[in-house]
């Protein structure tokens, strides 16, 4: 068994036993490693110590329970269930991770950025182009595509603070897109959507465009236009078990994997990634990440 597989076994065990006692000795035994070597290898592959990782994954699970409407379980009961000694310890850990207290979050849930369970398998496997793989509930395929005519999108640009980094700053712009989508998508009824980071603006705020595909460039004082230009792209096609997982855990893992894949393949690309969401159904679980290739790489890739 490869060393990374040992750590993957440990992270799988952690994920299934967040509400039970977890010790280094137990995890090392599952990984079939000495406690010393297990802790060293875990930190190297995951980026956190094993027990810090356990704490962060427990906080992620608790946050999911706290946002359930009409959940009657007290916060203290929830935190004790997941191994926190008392409410004070839990509240401090939650605030350190997410910048707010558990009670504040429960009264006004927002989309949080969690420390995710890593896909260690993907760190050690470069998939071939046009060959889909399935790993940990993700279906993933990478291909090259030459876009022979532009795609047009109408939407909005926002500058959003990234502090605290644990709170998703883009919910407001997507709510705005969806509230006006009916008037936009009459120009392209399929309802395809796009999201793209435009770099940092003033005060180190992220600039982000979110919009809906249209059949032509719209001229409108309020709406902005983004054009997916005629050129070559690396396209990562992927799907997840549900829409929430798709736009949180899965897309984060795909971004990390594509950085690794492109670096290892030594493909020259532009520093841009375009999120393309197909269809207008809230149950959609498929999307694509488009990365423009550098101009000398733009020609169609032979099959």
C-alpha atoms as a PDB file:
ATOM      1  CA  UNK A   1       0.000   0.000   0.000  1.00  0.00           C
ATOM      2  CA  UNK A   2       1.283   3.467  -0.918  1.00  0.00           C
ATOM      3  CA  UNK A   3       1.881   5.885   1.957  1.00  0.00           C
ATOM      4  CA  UNK A   4      -0.815   8.261   0.666  1.00  0.00           C
ATOM      5  CA  UNK A   5      -3.341   5.410   0.737  1.00  0.00           C
ATOM      6  CA  UNK A   6      -2.652   4.964   4.464  1.00  0.00           C
ATOM      7  CA  UNK A   7      -3.560   8.593   5.130  1.00  0.00           C
ATOM      8  CA  UNK A   8      -6.609   8.357   2.899  1.00  0.00           C
ATOM      9  CA  UNK A   9      -7.842   5.424   4.991  1.00  0.00           C
ATOM     10  CA  UNK A  10      -7.445   7.586   8.085  1.00  0.00           C
ATOM     11  CA  UNK A  11      -9.392  10.520   6.601  1.00  0.00           C
ATOM     12  CA  UNK A  12     -12.161   8.130   5.531  1.00  0.00           C
ATOM     13  CA  UNK A  13     -12.382   6.810   9.088  1.00  0.00           C
ATOM     14  CA  UNK A  14     -12.484  10.337  10.517  1.00  0.00           C
ATOM     15  CA  UNK A  15     -15.318  11.337   8.187  1.00  0.00           C
ATOM     16  CA  UNK A  16     -17.452   8.390   9.297  1.00  0.00           C
ATOM     17  CA  UNK A  17     -16.748   8.799  13.006  1.00  0.00           C
ATOM     18  CA  UNK A  18     -16.892  12.532  13.721  1.00  0.00           C
ATOM     19  CA  UNK A  19     -19.320  11.945  16.583  1.00  0.00           C
ATOM     20  CA  UNK A  20     -17.095   9.327  18.247  1.00  0.00           C
ATOM     21  CA  UNK A  21     -13.834   9.487  20.156  1.00  0.00           C
ATOM     22  CA  UNK A  22     -10.849   9.681  17.784  1.00  0.00           C
ATOM     23  CA  UNK A  23      -7.246   9.352  18.961  1.00  0.00           C
ATOM     24  CA  UNK A  24      -3.850   9.424  17.302  1.00  0.00           C
ATOM     25  CA  UNK A  25      -3.246   5.853  18.387  1.00  0.00           C
ATOM     26  CA  UNK A  26      -6.493   4.754  16.712  1.00  0.00           C
ATOM     27  CA  UNK A  27      -5.740   6.603  13.469  1.00  0.00           C
ATOM     28  CA  UNK A  28      -2.145   5.349  13.349  1.00  0.00           C
ATOM     29  CA  UNK A  29      -3.396   1.800  13.791  1.00  0.00           C
ATOM     30  CA  UNK A  30      -5.896   2.228  10.930  1.00  0.00           C
ATOM     31  CA  UNK A  31      -3.107   3.595   8.726  1.00  0.00           C
ATOM     32  CA  UNK A  32      -0.811   0.760   9.839  1.00  0.00           C
ATOM     33  CA  UNK A  33       1.889   3.290  10.746  1.00  0.00           C
ATOM     34  CA  UNK A  34       3.695   4.226  13.927  1.00  0.00           C
ATOM     35  CA  UNK A  35       2.099   7.222  15.694  1.00  0.00           C
ATOM     36  CA  UNK A  36       5.205   9.314  15.028  1.00  0.00           C
ATOM     37  CA  UNK A  37       5.384   8.576  11.302  1.00  0.00           C
ATOM     38  CA  UNK A  38       1.594   8.796  10.947  1.00  0.00           C
ATOM     39  CA  UNK A  39       1.478  12.324  12.382  1.00  0.00           C
ATOM     40  CA  UNK A  40       4.395  13.460  10.233  1.00  0.00           C
ATOM     41  CA  UNK A  41       2.901  12.032   7.038  1.00  0.00           C
ATOM     42  CA  UNK A  42      -0.610  13.285   7.817  1.00  0.00           C
ATOM     43  CA  UNK A  43       0.617  16.869   8.277  1.00  0.00           C
ATOM     44  CA  UNK A  44       2.620  16.632   5.040  1.00  0.00           C
ATOM     45  CA  UNK A  45      -0.289  15.372   2.902  1.00  0.00           C
ATOM     46  CA  UNK A  46      -3.247  17.141   4.501  1.00  0.00           C
ATOM     47  CA  UNK A  47      -1.648  20.408   5.618  1.00  0.00           C
ATOM     48  CA  UNK A  48      -2.985  20.151   9.179  1.00  0.00           C
ATOM     49  CA  UNK A  49      -2.148  18.019  12.182  1.00  0.00           C
ATOM     50  CA  UNK A  50      -4.488  15.058  12.547  1.00  0.00           C
ATOM     51  CA  UNK A  51      -6.307  16.400  15.595  1.00  0.00           C
ATOM     52  CA  UNK A  52      -6.624  19.923  14.149  1.00  0.00           C
ATOM     53  CA  UNK A  53      -8.117  18.322  11.041  1.00  0.00           C
ATOM     54  CA  UNK A  54     -10.571  16.329  13.182  1.00  0.00           C
ATOM     55  CA  UNK A  55     -11.637  19.530  14.936  1.00  0.00           C
ATOM     56  CA  UNK A  56     -12.190  21.411  11.668  1.00  0.00           C
ATOM     57  CA  UNK A  57     -14.188  18.574  10.115  1.00  0.00           C
ATOM     58  CA  UNK A  58     -16.321  18.384  13.267  1.00  0.00           C
ATOM     59  CA  UNK A  59     -16.978  22.120  13.079  1.00  0.00           C
ATOM     60  CA  UNK A  60     -18.034  21.720   9.447  1.00  0.00           C
ATOM     61  CA  UNK A  61     -20.475  18.968  10.402  1.00  0.00           C
ATOM     62  CA  UNK A  62     -21.844  20.960  13.336  1.00  0.00           C
ATOM     63  CA  UNK A  63     -22.408  23.994  11.105  1.00  0.00           C
ATOM     64  CA  UNK A  64     -24.550  21.833   8.825  1.00  0.00           C
ATOM     65  CA  UNK A  65     -26.660  20.764  11.810  1.00  0.00           C
ATOM     66  CA  UNK A  66     -26.995  24.299  13.135  1.00  0.00           C
ATOM     67  CA  UNK A  67     -28.566  25.568   9.922  1.00  0.00           C
ATOM     68  CA  UNK A  68     -31.292  22.905   9.821  1.00  0.00           C
ATOM     69  CA  UNK A  69     -34.628  24.759  10.196  1.00  0.00           C
ATOM     70  CA  UNK A  70     -36.528  24.058  13.430  1.00  0.00           C
ATOM     71  CA  UNK A  71     -33.807  21.805  14.820  1.00  0.00           C
ATOM     72  CA  UNK A  72     -34.670  21.508  18.496  1.00  0.00           C
ATOM     73  CA  UNK A  73     -31.307  20.228  19.749  1.00  0.00           C
ATOM     74  CA  UNK A  74     -29.470  22.766  21.920  1.00  0.00           C
ATOM     75  CA  UNK A  75     -26.084  24.055  20.800  1.00  0.00           C
ATOM     76  CA  UNK A  76     -24.473  22.627  23.938  1.00  0.00           C
ATOM     77  CA  UNK A  77     -25.894  19.178  23.167  1.00  0.00           C
ATOM     78  CA  UNK A  78     -24.599  19.332  19.598  1.00  0.00           C
ATOM     79  CA  UNK A  79     -21.081  20.378  20.598  1.00  0.00           C
ATOM     80  CA  UNK A  80     -20.876  17.686  23.308  1.00  0.00           C
ATOM     81  CA  UNK A  81     -22.009  15.096  20.766  1.00  0.00           C
ATOM     82  CA  UNK A  82     -18.991  15.948  18.619  1.00  0.00           C
ATOM     83  CA  UNK A  83     -16.440  15.752  21.388  1.00  0.00           C
ATOM     84  CA  UNK A  84     -16.068  19.351  22.558  1.00  0.00           C
ATOM     85  CA  UNK A  85     -15.574  19.577  26.327  1.00  0.00           C
ATOM     86  CA  UNK A  86     -17.939  22.489  26.940  1.00  0.00           C
ATOM     87  CA  UNK A  87     -19.805  25.317  25.253  1.00  0.00           C
ATOM     88  CA  UNK A  88     -17.017  27.842  25.850  1.00  0.00           C
ATOM     89  CA  UNK A  89     -14.367  25.690  24.169  1.00  0.00           C
ATOM     90  CA  UNK A  90     -16.674  24.966  21.245  1.00  0.00           C
ATOM     91  CA  UNK A  91     -17.783  28.590  20.827  1.00  0.00           C
ATOM     92  CA  UNK A  92     -14.174  29.787  20.764  1.00  0.00           C
ATOM     93  CA  UNK A  93     -13.190  27.147  18.185  1.00  0.00           C
ATOM     94  CA  UNK A  94     -16.212  27.996  16.009  1.00  0.00           C
ATOM     95  CA  UNK A  95     -15.454  31.714  16.116  1.00  0.00           C
ATOM     96  CA  UNK A  96     -11.764  31.127  15.330  1.00  0.00           C
ATOM     97  CA  UNK A  97     -12.765  29.064  12.289  1.00  0.00           C
ATOM     98  CA  UNK A  98     -15.649  31.154  10.938  1.00  0.00           C
ATOM     99  CA  UNK A  99     -15.441  34.624  12.493  1.00  0.00           C
ATOM    100  CA  UNK A 100     -18.818  34.400  14.241  1.00  0.00           C
ATOM    101  CA  UNK A 101     -20.385  32.689  17.236  1.00  0.00           C
ATOM    102  CA  UNK A 102     -22.450  29.502  16.826  1.00  0.00           C
ATOM    103  CA  UNK A 103     -25.591  31.292  18.023  1.00  0.00           C
ATOM    104  CA  UNK A 104     -25.090  34.120  15.493  1.00  0.00           C
ATOM    105  CA  UNK A 105     -24.645  31.593  12.710  1.00  0.00           C
ATOM    106  CA  UNK A 106     -27.697  29.615  13.795  1.00  0.00           C
ATOM    107  CA  UNK A 107     -29.893  32.711  13.712  1.00  0.00           C
ATOM    108  CA  UNK A 108     -28.542  33.831  10.342  1.00  0.00           C
ATOM    109  CA  UNK A 109     -26.877  30.967   8.392  1.00  0.00           C
ATOM    110  CA  UNK A 110     -24.468  32.030   5.652  1.00  0.00           C
ATOM    111  CA  UNK A 111     -22.457  29.953   3.193  1.00  0.00           C
ATOM    112  CA  UNK A 112     -19.238  29.035   5.011  1.00  0.00           C
ATOM    113  CA  UNK A 113     -15.889  27.989   3.600  1.00  0.00           C
ATOM    114  CA  UNK A 114     -14.867  24.812   5.412  1.00  0.00           C
ATOM    115  CA  UNK A 115     -11.590  22.942   5.564  1.00  0.00           C
ATOM    116  CA  UNK A 116     -12.553  20.098   3.262  1.00  0.00           C
ATOM    117  CA  UNK A 117     -11.749  16.432   3.309  1.00  0.00           C
ATOM    118  CA  UNK A 118      -8.845  16.195   0.839  1.00  0.00           C
ATOM    119  CA  UNK A 119      -8.964  14.060  -2.279  1.00  0.00           C
ATOM    120  CA  UNK A 120      -5.512  12.566  -1.732  1.00  0.00           C
ATOM    121  CA  UNK A 121      -6.032  10.156  -4.633  1.00  0.00           C
ATOM    122  CA  UNK A 122      -6.158  13.073  -7.075  1.00  0.00           C
ATOM    123  CA  UNK A 123      -2.854  14.449  -5.770  1.00  0.00           C
ATOM    124  CA  UNK A 124      -1.128  11.309  -7.059  1.00  0.00           C
ATOM    125  CA  UNK A 125      -2.996  10.565 -10.284  1.00  0.00           C
ATOM    126  CA  UNK A 126      -2.869  12.600 -13.469  1.00  0.00           C
ATOM    127  CA  UNK A 127      -5.863  11.455 -15.458  1.00  0.00           C
ATOM    128  CA  UNK A 128      -5.610  11.110 -19.225  1.00  0.00           C
ATOM    129  CA  UNK A 129      -7.540  13.522 -21.406  1.00  0.00           C
ATOM    130  CA  UNK A 130     -11.045  12.417 -22.382  1.00  0.00           C
ATOM    131  CA  UNK A 131     -11.019   9.551 -19.857  1.00  0.00           C
ATOM    132  CA  UNK A 132     -13.527  10.107 -17.005  1.00  0.00           C
ATOM    133  CA  UNK A 133     -12.760   8.902 -13.500  1.00  0.00           C
ATOM    134  CA  UNK A 134     -14.942   8.497 -10.427  1.00  0.00           C
ATOM    135  CA  UNK A 135     -13.485   9.205  -6.985  1.00  0.00           C
ATOM    136  CA  UNK A 136     -15.216   9.902  -3.663  1.00  0.00           C
ATOM    137  CA  UNK A 137     -18.539  10.838  -5.265  1.00  0.00           C
ATOM    138  CA  UNK A 138     -16.950  13.050  -7.962  1.00  0.00           C
ATOM    139  CA  UNK A 139     -17.113  12.262 -11.690  1.00  0.00           C
ATOM    140  CA  UNK A 140     -14.264  14.103 -13.412  1.00  0.00           C
ATOM    141  CA  UNK A 141     -13.031  14.412 -17.008  1.00  0.00           C
ATOM    142  CA  UNK A 142     -10.499  16.761 -18.614  1.00  0.00           C
ATOM    143  CA  UNK A 143     -10.515  17.620 -22.309  1.00  0.00           C
ATOM    144  CA  UNK A 144      -9.374  20.327 -24.736  1.00  0.00           C
ATOM    145  CA  UNK A 145     -11.963  22.320 -26.601  1.00  0.00           C
ATOM    146  CA  UNK A 146     -11.717  24.945 -29.312  1.00  0.00           C
ATOM    147  CA  UNK A 147     -14.562  27.436 -29.107  1.00  0.00           C
ATOM    148  CA  UNK A 148     -15.226  28.458 -32.717  1.00  0.00           C
ATOM    149  CA  UNK A 149     -17.714  31.225 -31.917  1.00  0.00           C
ATOM    150  CA  UNK A 150     -18.076  33.457 -28.839  1.00  0.00           C
ATOM    151  CA  UNK A 151     -20.452  32.854 -25.967  1.00  0.00           C
ATOM    152  CA  UNK A 152     -22.134  35.943 -24.452  1.00  0.00           C
ATOM    153  CA  UNK A 153     -23.198  36.427 -20.841  1.00  0.00           C
ATOM    154  CA  UNK A 154     -25.115  39.265 -19.180  1.00  0.00           C
ATOM    155  CA  UNK A 155     -24.923  39.854 -15.454  1.00  0.00           C
ATOM    156  CA  UNK A 156     -23.317  41.858 -12.684  1.00  0.00           C
ATOM    157  CA  UNK A 157     -19.884  42.617 -11.282  1.00  0.00           C
ATOM    158  CA  UNK A 158     -19.326  42.895  -7.552  1.00  0.00           C
ATOM    159  CA  UNK A 159     -16.344  43.761  -5.387  1.00  0.00           C
ATOM    160  CA  UNK A 160     -16.544  41.640  -2.246  1.00  0.00           C
ATOM    161  CA  UNK A 161     -14.381  41.573   0.845  1.00  0.00           C
ATOM    162  CA  UNK A 162     -12.678  38.271   1.556  1.00  0.00           C
ATOM    163  CA  UNK A 163     -12.465  38.881   5.310  1.00  0.00           C
ATOM    164  CA  UNK A 164     -13.396  36.747   7.091  1.00  0.00           C
ATOM    165  CA  UNK A 165     -12.116  34.171   4.569  1.00  0.00           C
ATOM    166  CA  UNK A 166     -14.425  31.517   6.014  1.00  0.00           C
ATOM    167  CA  UNK A 167     -17.606  33.229   4.772  1.00  0.00           C
ATOM    168  CA  UNK A 168     -18.561  33.024   1.098  1.00  0.00           C
ATOM    169  CA  UNK A 169     -18.727  36.657  -0.094  1.00  0.00           C
ATOM    170  CA  UNK A 170     -20.534  35.938  -3.368  1.00  0.00           C
ATOM    171  CA  UNK A 171     -23.986  34.888  -2.217  1.00  0.00           C
ATOM    172  CA  UNK A 172     -25.411  38.384  -2.674  1.00  0.00           C
ATOM    173  CA  UNK A 173     -24.429  38.724  -6.343  1.00  0.00           C
ATOM    174  CA  UNK A 174     -25.821  35.288  -7.191  1.00  0.00           C
ATOM    175  CA  UNK A 175     -29.082  36.190  -5.449  1.00  0.00           C
ATOM    176  CA  UNK A 176     -29.214  39.313  -7.611  1.00  0.00           C
ATOM    177  CA  UNK A 177     -28.587  37.299 -10.786  1.00  0.00           C
ATOM    178  CA  UNK A 178     -31.294  34.805  -9.910  1.00  0.00           C
ATOM    179  CA  UNK A 179     -33.807  37.532  -9.002  1.00  0.00           C
ATOM    180  CA  UNK A 180     -33.452  39.107 -12.467  1.00  0.00           C
ATOM    181  CA  UNK A 181     -32.730  35.946 -14.412  1.00  0.00           C
ATOM    182  CA  UNK A 182     -36.187  35.628 -15.920  1.00  0.00           C
ATOM    183  CA  UNK A 183     -35.791  38.934 -17.750  1.00  0.00           C
ATOM    184  CA  UNK A 184     -32.317  38.031 -18.997  1.00  0.00           C
ATOM    185  CA  UNK A 185     -32.713  34.428 -20.051  1.00  0.00           C
ATOM    186  CA  UNK A 186     -35.472  35.190 -22.546  1.00  0.00           C
ATOM    187  CA  UNK A 187     -32.517  35.817 -24.856  1.00  0.00           C
ATOM    188  CA  UNK A 188     -31.203  32.280 -24.224  1.00  0.00           C
ATOM    189  CA  UNK A 189     -33.865  30.139 -22.481  1.00  0.00           C
ATOM    190  CA  UNK A 190     -31.502  27.288 -21.531  1.00  0.00           C
ATOM    191  CA  UNK A 191     -30.530  29.339 -18.489  1.00  0.00           C
ATOM    192  CA  UNK A 192     -26.799  28.577 -18.527  1.00  0.00           C
ATOM    193  CA  UNK A 193     -24.841  30.620 -15.972  1.00  0.00           C
ATOM    194  CA  UNK A 194     -21.266  31.788 -15.575  1.00  0.00           C
ATOM    195  CA  UNK A 195     -19.099  32.852 -12.671  1.00  0.00           C
ATOM    196  CA  UNK A 196     -15.581  34.245 -12.991  1.00  0.00           C
ATOM    197  CA  UNK A 197     -13.092  35.949 -10.737  1.00  0.00           C
ATOM    198  CA  UNK A 198     -11.766  39.153 -12.312  1.00  0.00           C
ATOM    199  CA  UNK A 199      -8.855  39.672  -9.932  1.00  0.00           C
ATOM    200  CA  UNK A 200      -8.447  42.045  -7.008  1.00  0.00           C
ATOM    201  CA  UNK A 201      -9.985  45.507  -7.014  1.00  0.00           C
ATOM    202  CA  UNK A 202      -9.674  48.354  -4.549  1.00  0.00           C
ATOM    203  CA  UNK A 203      -8.856  47.560  -0.910  1.00  0.00           C
ATOM    204  CA  UNK A 204      -7.879  44.029  -1.927  1.00  0.00           C
ATOM    205  CA  UNK A 205     -11.491  43.096  -2.607  1.00  0.00           C
ATOM    206  CA  UNK A 206     -12.184  40.355  -5.123  1.00  0.00           C
ATOM    207  CA  UNK A 207     -13.940  41.379  -8.349  1.00  0.00           C
ATOM    208  CA  UNK A 208     -16.380  38.762  -9.570  1.00  0.00           C
ATOM    209  CA  UNK A 209     -18.761  38.503 -12.529  1.00  0.00           C
ATOM    210  CA  UNK A 210     -21.909  36.371 -12.348  1.00  0.00           C
ATOM    211  CA  UNK A 211     -24.384  36.165 -15.195  1.00  0.00           C
ATOM    212  CA  UNK A 212     -26.639  34.289 -17.581  1.00  0.00           C
ATOM    213  CA  UNK A 213     -25.866  33.190 -21.145  1.00  0.00           C
ATOM    214  CA  UNK A 214     -27.481  35.224 -23.939  1.00  0.00           C
ATOM    215  CA  UNK A 215     -27.607  34.741 -27.701  1.00  0.00           C
ATOM    216  CA  UNK A 216     -25.900  38.079 -28.354  1.00  0.00           C
ATOM    217  CA  UNK A 217     -24.155  40.903 -26.544  1.00  0.00           C
ATOM    218  CA  UNK A 218     -26.779  42.892 -24.643  1.00  0.00           C
ATOM    219  CA  UNK A 219     -26.631  46.683 -24.450  1.00  0.00           C
ATOM    220  CA  UNK A 220     -27.979  47.681 -21.053  1.00  0.00           C
ATOM    221  CA  UNK A 221     -27.052  50.405 -18.582  1.00  0.00           C
ATOM    222  CA  UNK A 222     -27.319  48.092 -15.588  1.00  0.00           C
ATOM    223  CA  UNK A 223     -26.150  44.749 -16.951  1.00  0.00           C
ATOM    224  CA  UNK A 224     -22.516  44.025 -17.702  1.00  0.00           C
ATOM    225  CA  UNK A 225     -21.337  41.686 -20.457  1.00  0.00           C
ATOM    226  CA  UNK A 226     -18.719  38.964 -20.373  1.00  0.00           C
ATOM    227  CA  UNK A 227     -17.633  37.260 -23.597  1.00  0.00           C
ATOM    228  CA  UNK A 228     -16.144  33.793 -23.726  1.00  0.00           C
ATOM    229  CA  UNK A 229     -13.912  34.389 -26.736  1.00  0.00           C
ATOM    230  CA  UNK A 230     -13.093  32.213 -29.722  1.00  0.00           C
ATOM    231  CA  UNK A 231      -9.970  30.270 -28.689  1.00  0.00           C
ATOM    232  CA  UNK A 232      -8.716  27.028 -27.160  1.00  0.00           C
ATOM    233  CA  UNK A 233      -9.589  25.967 -23.597  1.00  0.00           C
ATOM    234  CA  UNK A 234      -8.757  23.252 -21.140  1.00  0.00           C
ATOM    235  CA  UNK A 235     -12.182  22.125 -19.959  1.00  0.00           C
ATOM    236  CA  UNK A 236     -12.724  20.119 -16.794  1.00  0.00           C
ATOM    237  CA  UNK A 237     -16.170  18.526 -16.755  1.00  0.00           C
ATOM    238  CA  UNK A 238     -17.393  17.320 -13.395  1.00  0.00           C
ATOM    239  CA  UNK A 239     -20.444  16.423 -11.386  1.00  0.00           C
ATOM    240  CA  UNK A 240     -21.261  15.702  -7.764  1.00  0.00           C
ATOM    241  CA  UNK A 241     -23.989  14.055  -5.719  1.00  0.00           C
ATOM    242  CA  UNK A 242     -26.007  17.267  -5.258  1.00  0.00           C
ATOM    243  CA  UNK A 243     -25.914  20.969  -6.116  1.00  0.00           C
ATOM    244  CA  UNK A 244     -24.721  22.152  -2.695  1.00  0.00           C
ATOM    245  CA  UNK A 245     -21.766  19.754  -2.780  1.00  0.00           C
ATOM    246  CA  UNK A 246     -21.069  20.773  -6.381  1.00  0.00           C
ATOM    247  CA  UNK A 247     -20.665  24.495  -5.608  1.00  0.00           C
ATOM    248  CA  UNK A 248     -18.788  24.052  -2.330  1.00  0.00           C
ATOM    249  CA  UNK A 249     -16.624  20.991  -1.820  1.00  0.00           C
ATOM    250  CA  UNK A 250     -16.386  19.674  -5.385  1.00  0.00           C
ATOM    251  CA  UNK A 251     -15.484  22.894  -7.164  1.00  0.00           C
ATOM    252  CA  UNK A 252     -12.822  23.660  -4.562  1.00  0.00           C
ATOM    253  CA  UNK A 253     -11.220  20.251  -5.121  1.00  0.00           C
ATOM    254  CA  UNK A 254     -11.419  20.651  -8.904  1.00  0.00           C
ATOM    255  CA  UNK A 255      -9.631  24.024  -8.763  1.00  0.00           C
ATOM    256  CA  UNK A 256      -6.794  22.474  -6.771  1.00  0.00           C
ATOM    257  CA  UNK A 257      -6.594  19.442  -9.025  1.00  0.00           C
ATOM    258  CA  UNK A 258      -6.559  21.446 -12.250  1.00  0.00           C
ATOM    259  CA  UNK A 259      -3.693  23.592 -10.957  1.00  0.00           C
ATOM    260  CA  UNK A 260      -1.744  20.388 -10.322  1.00  0.00           C
ATOM    261  CA  UNK A 261      -2.809  18.796 -13.635  1.00  0.00           C
ATOM    262  CA  UNK A 262      -1.857  21.790 -15.778  1.00  0.00           C
ATOM    263  CA  UNK A 263       1.459  22.228 -13.957  1.00  0.00           C
ATOM    264  CA  UNK A 264       2.412  18.569 -14.363  1.00  0.00           C
ATOM    265  CA  UNK A 265       1.304  18.508 -18.005  1.00  0.00           C
ATOM    266  CA  UNK A 266       3.319  21.706 -18.637  1.00  0.00           C
ATOM    267  CA  UNK A 267       0.472  23.349 -20.558  1.00  0.00           C
ATOM    268  CA  UNK A 268       0.642  27.139 -20.848  1.00  0.00           C
ATOM    269  CA  UNK A 269      -2.629  28.765 -19.835  1.00  0.00           C
ATOM    270  CA  UNK A 270      -3.992  32.168 -18.954  1.00  0.00           C
ATOM    271  CA  UNK A 271      -4.442  32.920 -15.224  1.00  0.00           C
ATOM    272  CA  UNK A 272      -8.240  32.711 -15.512  1.00  0.00           C
ATOM    273  CA  UNK A 273     -10.832  30.076 -14.651  1.00  0.00           C
ATOM    274  CA  UNK A 274     -14.426  30.306 -15.844  1.00  0.00           C
ATOM    275  CA  UNK A 275     -17.181  28.418 -14.007  1.00  0.00           C
ATOM    276  CA  UNK A 276     -19.909  27.359 -16.445  1.00  0.00           C
ATOM    277  CA  UNK A 277     -23.174  26.073 -14.973  1.00  0.00           C
ATOM    278  CA  UNK A 278     -25.581  24.336 -17.351  1.00  0.00           C
ATOM    279  CA  UNK A 279     -29.343  24.641 -17.079  1.00  0.00           C
ATOM    280  CA  UNK A 280     -31.579  26.467 -14.654  1.00  0.00           C
ATOM    281  CA  UNK A 281     -32.728  23.613 -12.399  1.00  0.00           C
ATOM    282  CA  UNK A 282     -31.717  23.914  -8.714  1.00  0.00           C
ATOM    283  CA  UNK A 283     -31.098  20.148  -8.804  1.00  0.00           C
ATOM    284  CA  UNK A 284     -28.314  20.449 -11.379  1.00  0.00           C
ATOM    285  CA  UNK A 285     -25.198  18.561 -10.360  1.00  0.00           C
ATOM    286  CA  UNK A 286     -22.987  19.078 -13.446  1.00  0.00           C
ATOM    287  CA  UNK A 287     -20.749  21.980 -14.421  1.00  0.00           C
ATOM    288  CA  UNK A 288     -17.513  22.787 -16.263  1.00  0.00           C
ATOM    289  CA  UNK A 289     -14.379  24.747 -15.483  1.00  0.00           C
ATOM    290  CA  UNK A 290     -12.932  26.469 -18.576  1.00  0.00           C
ATOM    291  CA  UNK A 291      -9.285  27.590 -18.518  1.00  0.00           C
ATOM    292  CA  UNK A 292      -8.054  29.565 -21.566  1.00  0.00           C
ATOM    293  CA  UNK A 293      -4.898  28.174 -23.139  1.00  0.00           C
ATOM    294  CA  UNK A 294      -2.059  30.513 -24.060  1.00  0.00           C
ATOM    295  CA  UNK A 295      -2.368  31.668 -27.656  1.00  0.00           C
ATOM    296  CA  UNK A 296       0.292  29.366 -29.098  1.00  0.00           C
ATOM    297  CA  UNK A 297      -1.684  26.449 -27.617  1.00  0.00           C
ATOM    298  CA  UNK A 298      -5.040  27.555 -29.001  1.00  0.00           C
ATOM    299  CA  UNK A 299      -5.208  25.275 -32.031  1.00  0.00           C
ATOM    300  CA  UNK A 300      -7.605  22.340 -31.769  1.00  0.00           C
ATOM    301  CA  UNK A 301      -6.086  19.298 -30.114  1.00  0.00           C
ATOM    302  CA  UNK A 302      -6.161  16.208 -32.326  1.00  0.00           C
ATOM    303  CA  UNK A 303      -8.353  13.370 -31.089  1.00  0.00           C
END
